[in-house]
Amino acid sequence: MKERMRWAFIIDKDEFVRLSLNKILKKYGFQVEEIEDFSQLERRKKDVKGGMILADVEIEVLEGQLPLIRKWNDRLILMSPLITDELTLRLKKIGIQRIIKKPVDPRILRRHIREISFPGEVKVASLGEKSEGSYVDQKGGEGI
């Protein structure tokens, strides 16, 4: 049986961050592609359905791309250096559930990736695992 490739799309202006994320995501088994904006994802619908999007973009950009964001919000992890209560509220209103504070801690990123359902994967929650709604990881420190 052929294993389906998992794609990770990165949208970030910072070259160092893109290189670091590229390395981490490849280690986690993803085929990685850096893109400039959400509109480039429209041509890659099948890959997005089996993958994820990791983005650092302004809220105004997200609000301007609402149809695409709503279509793929279950596959999106948003990164931001500054996360306020107001920003979190605005993001949740447009359907963004996964928000990570930059610099990104690879362990937190991995935890968010594990929450995403990928085709062909069977998820089994452990007995001690709590299922929660959306949340923001605001842990700073060492990371990307």
N, C-alpha and C. Protein backbone atom coordinates (compact mmCIF):
# COMPACT_ATOMS: atom_id res chain seq x y z
N MET A 1 0.83 -1.18 0.00
CA MET A 1 0.00 0.00 0.00
C MET A 1 0.88 1.25 0.00
N LYS A 2 0.58 2.17 -0.88
CA LYS A 2 1.38 3.38 -1.00
C LYS A 2 0.99 4.38 0.08
N GLU A 3 2.00 4.90 0.81
CA GLU A 3 1.75 5.87 1.85
C GLU A 3 1.58 7.25 1.22
N ARG A 4 0.55 7.96 1.63
CA ARG A 4 0.28 9.28 1.08
C ARG A 4 1.23 10.31 1.70
N MET A 5 1.75 11.19 0.86
CA MET A 5 2.67 12.21 1.31
C MET A 5 1.92 13.31 2.07
N ARG A 6 2.48 13.73 3.20
CA ARG A 6 1.89 14.82 3.97
C ARG A 6 2.65 16.11 3.64
N TRP A 7 1.89 17.12 3.25
CA TRP A 7 2.48 18.40 2.88
C TRP A 7 2.37 19.39 4.02
N ALA A 8 3.36 20.26 4.13
CA ALA A 8 3.32 21.40 5.05
C ALA A 8 3.66 22.64 4.21
N PHE A 9 2.78 23.62 4.25
CA PHE A 9 2.98 24.87 3.54
C PHE A 9 3.33 25.95 4.54
N ILE A 10 4.43 26.67 4.29
CA ILE A 10 4.90 27.71 5.19
C ILE A 10 4.72 29.08 4.54
N ILE A 11 4.07 29.98 5.28
CA ILE A 11 3.96 31.38 4.86
C ILE A 11 4.60 32.22 5.96
N ASP A 12 5.78 32.76 5.69
CA ASP A 12 6.48 33.60 6.66
C ASP A 12 7.50 34.43 5.90
N LYS A 13 7.61 35.71 6.23
CA LYS A 13 8.55 36.60 5.54
C LYS A 13 9.99 36.40 5.99
N ASP A 14 10.18 35.89 7.19
CA ASP A 14 11.51 35.73 7.78
C ASP A 14 12.19 34.47 7.25
N GLU A 15 13.28 34.66 6.52
CA GLU A 15 13.98 33.52 5.90
C GLU A 15 14.52 32.54 6.94
N PHE A 16 15.05 33.05 8.05
CA PHE A 16 15.57 32.16 9.10
C PHE A 16 14.46 31.27 9.66
N VAL A 17 13.30 31.87 9.91
CA VAL A 17 12.16 31.10 10.43
C VAL A 17 11.75 30.03 9.42
N ARG A 18 11.67 30.41 8.13
CA ARG A 18 11.28 29.44 7.10
C ARG A 18 12.27 28.27 7.05
N LEU A 19 13.56 28.57 7.10
CA LEU A 19 14.58 27.51 7.07
C LEU A 19 14.47 26.60 8.29
N SER A 20 14.27 27.20 9.46
CA SER A 20 14.15 26.41 10.69
C SER A 20 12.91 25.52 10.66
N LEU A 21 11.77 26.10 10.26
CA LEU A 21 10.54 25.32 10.18
C LEU A 21 10.66 24.21 9.14
N ASN A 22 11.30 24.52 8.03
CA ASN A 22 11.51 23.54 6.97
C ASN A 22 12.24 22.32 7.53
N LYS A 23 13.29 22.57 8.27
CA LYS A 23 14.10 21.49 8.85
C LYS A 23 13.27 20.66 9.84
N ILE A 24 12.54 21.34 10.73
CA ILE A 24 11.73 20.66 11.74
C ILE A 24 10.63 19.83 11.09
N LEU A 25 9.92 20.42 10.14
CA LEU A 25 8.79 19.73 9.50
C LEU A 25 9.25 18.54 8.67
N LYS A 26 10.40 18.64 8.03
CA LYS A 26 10.93 17.48 7.29
C LYS A 26 11.27 16.37 8.26
N LYS A 27 11.80 16.74 9.42
CA LYS A 27 12.11 15.75 10.45
C LYS A 27 10.84 15.04 10.91
N TYR A 28 9.71 15.75 10.92
CA TYR A 28 8.42 15.18 11.31
C TYR A 28 7.75 14.43 10.16
N GLY A 29 8.42 14.33 9.00
CA GLY A 29 7.91 13.53 7.89
C GLY A 29 7.08 14.27 6.86
N PHE A 30 7.18 15.59 6.83
CA PHE A 30 6.42 16.38 5.86
C PHE A 30 7.25 16.71 4.63
N GLN A 31 6.57 16.81 3.50
CA GLN A 31 7.13 17.41 2.30
C GLN A 31 6.81 18.90 2.46
N VAL A 32 7.80 19.76 2.45
CA VAL A 32 7.60 21.17 2.78
C VAL A 32 7.70 22.06 1.54
N GLU A 33 6.79 23.04 1.49
CA GLU A 33 6.84 24.04 0.43
C GLU A 33 6.60 25.41 1.04
N GLU A 34 7.47 26.34 0.69
CA GLU A 34 7.31 27.72 1.13
C GLU A 34 6.48 28.45 0.09
N ILE A 35 5.45 29.16 0.56
CA ILE A 35 4.60 29.92 -0.36
C ILE A 35 4.50 31.36 0.12
N GLU A 36 4.09 32.25 -0.78
CA GLU A 36 4.04 33.67 -0.43
C GLU A 36 2.70 34.10 0.15
N ASP A 37 1.60 33.46 -0.27
CA ASP A 37 0.30 33.85 0.26
C ASP A 37 -0.71 32.72 0.09
N PHE A 38 -1.87 32.90 0.73
CA PHE A 38 -2.90 31.85 0.74
C PHE A 38 -3.45 31.53 -0.64
N SER A 39 -3.43 32.51 -1.54
CA SER A 39 -4.00 32.27 -2.87
C SER A 39 -3.26 31.15 -3.61
N GLN A 40 -2.00 30.93 -3.30
CA GLN A 40 -1.23 29.87 -3.94
C GLN A 40 -1.73 28.48 -3.53
N LEU A 41 -2.46 28.41 -2.44
CA LEU A 41 -2.98 27.12 -1.97
C LEU A 41 -4.13 26.61 -2.81
N GLU A 42 -4.83 27.50 -3.48
CA GLU A 42 -6.01 27.11 -4.26
C GLU A 42 -5.65 26.06 -5.33
N ARG A 43 -4.47 26.17 -5.90
CA ARG A 43 -4.03 25.20 -6.92
C ARG A 43 -3.61 23.87 -6.30
N ARG A 44 -3.42 23.85 -4.99
CA ARG A 44 -2.90 22.66 -4.30
C ARG A 44 -3.93 22.07 -3.35
N LYS A 45 -5.21 22.15 -3.69
CA LYS A 45 -6.31 21.70 -2.81
C LYS A 45 -6.09 20.30 -2.25
N LYS A 46 -5.72 19.36 -3.10
CA LYS A 46 -5.55 17.98 -2.64
C LYS A 46 -4.41 17.86 -1.64
N ASP A 47 -3.34 18.59 -1.87
CA ASP A 47 -2.20 18.54 -0.95
C ASP A 47 -2.54 19.18 0.39
N VAL A 48 -3.34 20.26 0.36
CA VAL A 48 -3.73 20.92 1.60
C VAL A 48 -4.63 20.01 2.42
N LYS A 49 -5.55 19.30 1.75
CA LYS A 49 -6.45 18.39 2.46
C LYS A 49 -5.69 17.31 3.20
N GLY A 50 -4.54 16.93 2.70
CA GLY A 50 -3.73 15.90 3.35
C GLY A 50 -2.54 16.47 4.10
N GLY A 51 -2.55 17.77 4.31
CA GLY A 51 -1.40 18.40 4.95
C GLY A 51 -1.79 19.47 5.95
N MET A 52 -0.94 20.49 6.04
CA MET A 52 -1.18 21.58 6.98
C MET A 52 -0.56 22.87 6.48
N ILE A 53 -1.00 23.98 7.08
CA ILE A 53 -0.49 25.31 6.72
C ILE A 53 0.03 25.94 8.01
N LEU A 54 1.25 26.44 7.94
CA LEU A 54 1.87 27.13 9.07
C LEU A 54 2.16 28.55 8.61
N ALA A 55 1.50 29.55 9.21
CA ALA A 55 1.58 30.91 8.67
C ALA A 55 1.80 31.97 9.73
N ASP A 56 2.57 32.99 9.35
CA ASP A 56 2.70 34.21 10.13
C ASP A 56 2.28 35.34 9.20
N VAL A 57 1.03 35.75 9.33
CA VAL A 57 0.50 36.84 8.50
C VAL A 57 -0.33 37.77 9.38
N GLU A 58 -0.50 38.99 8.90
CA GLU A 58 -1.30 39.98 9.62
C GLU A 58 -2.77 39.57 9.63
N ILE A 59 -3.48 39.97 10.67
CA ILE A 59 -4.91 39.63 10.79
C ILE A 59 -5.70 40.20 9.61
N GLU A 60 -5.30 41.36 9.12
CA GLU A 60 -6.00 41.97 7.98
C GLU A 60 -5.88 41.08 6.73
N VAL A 61 -4.73 40.43 6.57
CA VAL A 61 -4.55 39.50 5.45
C VAL A 61 -5.48 38.32 5.62
N LEU A 62 -5.57 37.79 6.83
CA LEU A 62 -6.47 36.66 7.10
C LEU A 62 -7.91 37.04 6.82
N GLU A 63 -8.32 38.22 7.29
CA GLU A 63 -9.69 38.68 7.09
C GLU A 63 -9.99 38.90 5.62
N GLY A 64 -8.97 39.24 4.83
CA GLY A 64 -9.15 39.43 3.39
C GLY A 64 -9.22 38.12 2.62
N GLN A 65 -8.85 37.02 3.26
CA GLN A 65 -8.84 35.70 2.63
C GLN A 65 -9.83 34.75 3.31
N LEU A 66 -10.92 35.29 3.86
CA LEU A 66 -11.85 34.48 4.67
C LEU A 66 -12.34 33.20 4.00
N PRO A 67 -12.74 33.21 2.71
CA PRO A 67 -13.21 31.94 2.13
C PRO A 67 -12.14 30.83 2.22
N LEU A 68 -10.89 31.17 1.92
CA LEU A 68 -9.82 30.18 1.99
C LEU A 68 -9.52 29.78 3.44
N ILE A 69 -9.52 30.76 4.33
CA ILE A 69 -9.24 30.49 5.74
C ILE A 69 -10.30 29.55 6.31
N ARG A 70 -11.56 29.84 6.03
CA ARG A 70 -12.64 29.00 6.56
C ARG A 70 -12.58 27.60 5.96
N LYS A 71 -12.15 27.52 4.72
CA LYS A 71 -12.06 26.22 4.04
C LYS A 71 -10.99 25.33 4.70
N TRP A 72 -9.90 25.95 5.14
CA TRP A 72 -8.77 25.18 5.64
C TRP A 72 -8.39 25.50 7.08
N ASN A 73 -9.29 26.10 7.85
CA ASN A 73 -8.91 26.49 9.21
C ASN A 73 -8.57 25.29 10.10
N ASP A 74 -9.08 24.10 9.77
CA ASP A 74 -8.73 22.91 10.56
C ASP A 74 -7.31 22.43 10.26
N ARG A 75 -6.69 22.98 9.23
CA ARG A 75 -5.33 22.60 8.82
C ARG A 75 -4.32 23.73 9.08
N LEU A 76 -4.78 24.84 9.67
CA LEU A 76 -3.96 26.03 9.82
C LEU A 76 -3.43 26.19 11.24
N ILE A 77 -2.13 26.47 11.33
CA ILE A 77 -1.50 26.86 12.59
C ILE A 77 -0.95 28.26 12.35
N LEU A 78 -1.45 29.22 13.11
CA LEU A 78 -1.01 30.60 12.96
C LEU A 78 0.08 30.89 13.97
N MET A 79 1.14 31.56 13.51
CA MET A 79 2.24 31.96 14.39
C MET A 79 2.24 33.48 14.48
N SER A 80 2.53 34.02 15.66
CA SER A 80 2.59 35.46 15.82
C SER A 80 3.52 35.82 16.97
N PRO A 81 4.32 36.88 16.80
CA PRO A 81 5.20 37.29 17.89
C PRO A 81 4.45 37.98 19.03
N LEU A 82 3.29 38.54 18.73
CA LEU A 82 2.52 39.25 19.74
C LEU A 82 1.08 38.74 19.73
N ILE A 83 0.70 38.08 20.82
CA ILE A 83 -0.66 37.55 20.92
C ILE A 83 -1.36 38.25 22.08
N THR A 84 -2.38 39.03 21.75
CA THR A 84 -3.16 39.72 22.77
C THR A 84 -4.53 39.07 22.87
N ASP A 85 -5.25 39.41 23.92
CA ASP A 85 -6.62 38.89 24.07
C ASP A 85 -7.49 39.35 22.91
N GLU A 86 -7.31 40.61 22.49
CA GLU A 86 -8.10 41.15 21.37
C GLU A 86 -7.82 40.38 20.08
N LEU A 87 -6.54 40.12 19.82
CA LEU A 87 -6.17 39.37 18.62
C LEU A 87 -6.74 37.96 18.66
N THR A 88 -6.62 37.31 19.80
CA THR A 88 -7.14 35.96 19.96
C THR A 88 -8.64 35.91 19.69
N LEU A 89 -9.36 36.89 20.20
CA LEU A 89 -10.80 36.97 19.99
C LEU A 89 -11.14 37.14 18.51
N ARG A 90 -10.42 38.05 17.83
CA ARG A 90 -10.64 38.27 16.39
C ARG A 90 -10.34 37.01 15.59
N LEU A 91 -9.27 36.31 15.94
CA LEU A 91 -8.90 35.09 15.23
C LEU A 91 -9.94 34.00 15.42
N LYS A 92 -10.43 33.85 16.63
CA LYS A 92 -11.45 32.83 16.90
C LYS A 92 -12.75 33.14 16.15
N LYS A 93 -13.07 34.43 16.00
CA LYS A 93 -14.28 34.82 15.26
C LYS A 93 -14.20 34.39 13.79
N ILE A 94 -13.00 34.37 13.23
CA ILE A 94 -12.88 33.95 11.83
C ILE A 94 -12.53 32.46 11.70
N GLY A 95 -12.47 31.76 12.84
CA GLY A 95 -12.30 30.31 12.80
C GLY A 95 -10.90 29.78 13.03
N ILE A 96 -9.95 30.63 13.37
CA ILE A 96 -8.58 30.18 13.63
C ILE A 96 -8.54 29.61 15.05
N GLN A 97 -8.20 28.33 15.17
CA GLN A 97 -8.19 27.66 16.46
C GLN A 97 -6.78 27.43 17.01
N ARG A 98 -5.79 27.32 16.14
CA ARG A 98 -4.43 26.99 16.58
C ARG A 98 -3.53 28.22 16.40
N ILE A 99 -3.06 28.75 17.53
CA ILE A 99 -2.22 29.94 17.51
C ILE A 99 -1.00 29.66 18.37
N ILE A 100 0.17 29.94 17.82
CA ILE A 100 1.42 29.72 18.54
C ILE A 100 2.19 31.02 18.60
N LYS A 101 2.70 31.34 19.79
CA LYS A 101 3.52 32.54 19.96
C LYS A 101 4.93 32.27 19.43
N LYS A 102 5.44 33.23 18.67
CA LYS A 102 6.83 33.15 18.20
C LYS A 102 7.74 33.74 19.26
N PRO A 103 8.94 33.23 19.46
CA PRO A 103 9.55 32.15 18.69
C PRO A 103 8.87 30.81 18.97
N VAL A 104 8.72 30.02 17.92
CA VAL A 104 8.01 28.75 18.01
C VAL A 104 8.88 27.69 18.69
N ASP A 105 8.32 27.09 19.71
CA ASP A 105 8.97 25.97 20.40
C ASP A 105 8.60 24.71 19.60
N PRO A 106 9.58 23.95 19.09
CA PRO A 106 9.27 22.75 18.30
C PRO A 106 8.36 21.75 19.01
N ARG A 107 8.45 21.65 20.33
CA ARG A 107 7.57 20.72 21.07
C ARG A 107 6.12 21.17 21.01
N ILE A 108 5.89 22.47 21.11
CA ILE A 108 4.52 23.00 21.02
C ILE A 108 4.00 22.82 19.60
N LEU A 109 4.85 23.07 18.62
CA LEU A 109 4.46 22.87 17.22
C LEU A 109 4.05 21.42 17.01
N ARG A 110 4.84 20.50 17.52
CA ARG A 110 4.54 19.07 17.35
C ARG A 110 3.19 18.72 17.99
N ARG A 111 2.90 19.30 19.16
CA ARG A 111 1.63 19.04 19.82
C ARG A 111 0.47 19.52 18.95
N HIS A 112 0.60 20.68 18.33
CA HIS A 112 -0.45 21.20 17.44
C HIS A 112 -0.60 20.32 16.20
N ILE A 113 0.51 19.85 15.65
CA ILE A 113 0.46 18.98 14.48
C ILE A 113 -0.28 17.69 14.81
N ARG A 114 -0.05 17.16 15.98
CA ARG A 114 -0.73 15.91 16.39
C ARG A 114 -2.24 16.08 16.49
N GLU A 115 -2.72 17.31 16.68
CA GLU A 115 -4.16 17.56 16.76
C GLU A 115 -4.83 17.54 15.39
N ILE A 116 -4.04 17.69 14.34
CA ILE A 116 -4.59 17.74 12.98
C ILE A 116 -4.79 16.31 12.49
N SER A 117 -5.94 16.06 11.90
CA SER A 117 -6.26 14.74 11.37
C SER A 117 -5.73 14.64 9.93
N PHE A 118 -4.89 13.65 9.69
CA PHE A 118 -4.33 13.44 8.36
C PHE A 118 -4.94 12.18 7.75
N PRO A 119 -5.18 12.16 6.45
CA PRO A 119 -5.77 10.98 5.80
C PRO A 119 -4.95 9.73 6.08
N GLY A 120 -5.66 8.65 6.39
CA GLY A 120 -5.00 7.37 6.64
C GLY A 120 -4.48 7.20 8.05
N GLU A 121 -4.62 8.23 8.88
CA GLU A 121 -4.16 8.16 10.26
C GLU A 121 -5.32 7.81 11.18
N VAL A 122 -5.05 6.98 12.15
CA VAL A 122 -6.05 6.65 13.15
C VAL A 122 -5.60 7.27 14.45
N LYS A 123 -6.44 8.13 15.01
CA LYS A 123 -6.11 8.80 16.26
C LYS A 123 -6.78 8.08 17.42
N VAL A 124 -5.98 7.79 18.44
CA VAL A 124 -6.51 7.16 19.64
C VAL A 124 -6.05 8.01 20.82
N ALA A 125 -6.99 8.55 21.56
CA ALA A 125 -6.65 9.37 22.73
C ALA A 125 -6.26 8.45 23.88
N SER A 126 -5.22 8.84 24.59
CA SER A 126 -4.83 8.05 25.74
C SER A 126 -5.80 8.33 26.88
N LEU A 127 -5.82 7.47 27.87
CA LEU A 127 -6.77 7.62 28.98
C LEU A 127 -6.55 8.92 29.74
N GLY A 128 -5.32 9.37 29.84
CA GLY A 128 -5.03 10.58 30.59
C GLY A 128 -5.14 11.84 29.77
N GLU A 129 -5.43 11.73 28.50
CA GLU A 129 -5.46 12.88 27.61
C GLU A 129 -6.80 13.61 27.71
N LYS A 130 -6.72 14.92 27.93
CA LYS A 130 -7.92 15.74 27.98
C LYS A 130 -8.14 16.39 26.63
N SER A 131 -9.37 16.39 26.17
CA SER A 131 -9.69 17.06 24.93
C SER A 131 -10.23 18.44 25.27
N GLU A 132 -9.60 19.46 24.73
CA GLU A 132 -10.03 20.82 25.01
C GLU A 132 -10.37 21.53 23.72
N GLY A 133 -10.99 22.69 23.86
CA GLY A 133 -11.32 23.51 22.70
C GLY A 133 -10.07 24.21 22.21
N SER A 134 -10.23 25.32 21.56
CA SER A 134 -9.09 26.04 21.03
C SER A 134 -8.32 26.71 22.17
N TYR A 135 -7.05 26.93 21.94
CA TYR A 135 -6.25 27.60 22.94
C TYR A 135 -5.05 28.22 22.25
N VAL A 136 -4.37 29.07 22.99
CA VAL A 136 -3.21 29.76 22.47
C VAL A 136 -2.00 29.32 23.27
N ASP A 137 -0.93 28.93 22.57
CA ASP A 137 0.31 28.62 23.24
C ASP A 137 1.13 29.90 23.26
N GLN A 138 1.31 30.45 24.44
CA GLN A 138 2.03 31.71 24.55
C GLN A 138 3.40 31.53 25.17
N LYS A 139 3.85 30.31 25.22
CA LYS A 139 5.15 30.04 25.79
C LYS A 139 6.22 30.65 24.88
N GLY A 140 7.06 31.44 25.42
CA GLY A 140 8.16 32.03 24.65
C GLY A 140 9.42 31.25 24.89
N GLY A 141 10.54 31.92 24.84
CA GLY A 141 11.79 31.25 25.16
C GLY A 141 12.43 30.65 23.93
N GLU A 142 13.18 29.59 24.14
CA GLU A 142 13.90 28.92 23.06
C GLU A 142 12.94 28.43 21.99
N GLY A 143 13.28 28.64 20.78
CA GLY A 143 12.43 28.18 19.68
C GLY A 143 12.86 28.79 18.39
N ILE A 144 11.92 28.89 17.48
CA ILE A 144 12.24 29.42 16.15
C ILE A 144 11.95 30.89 16.13
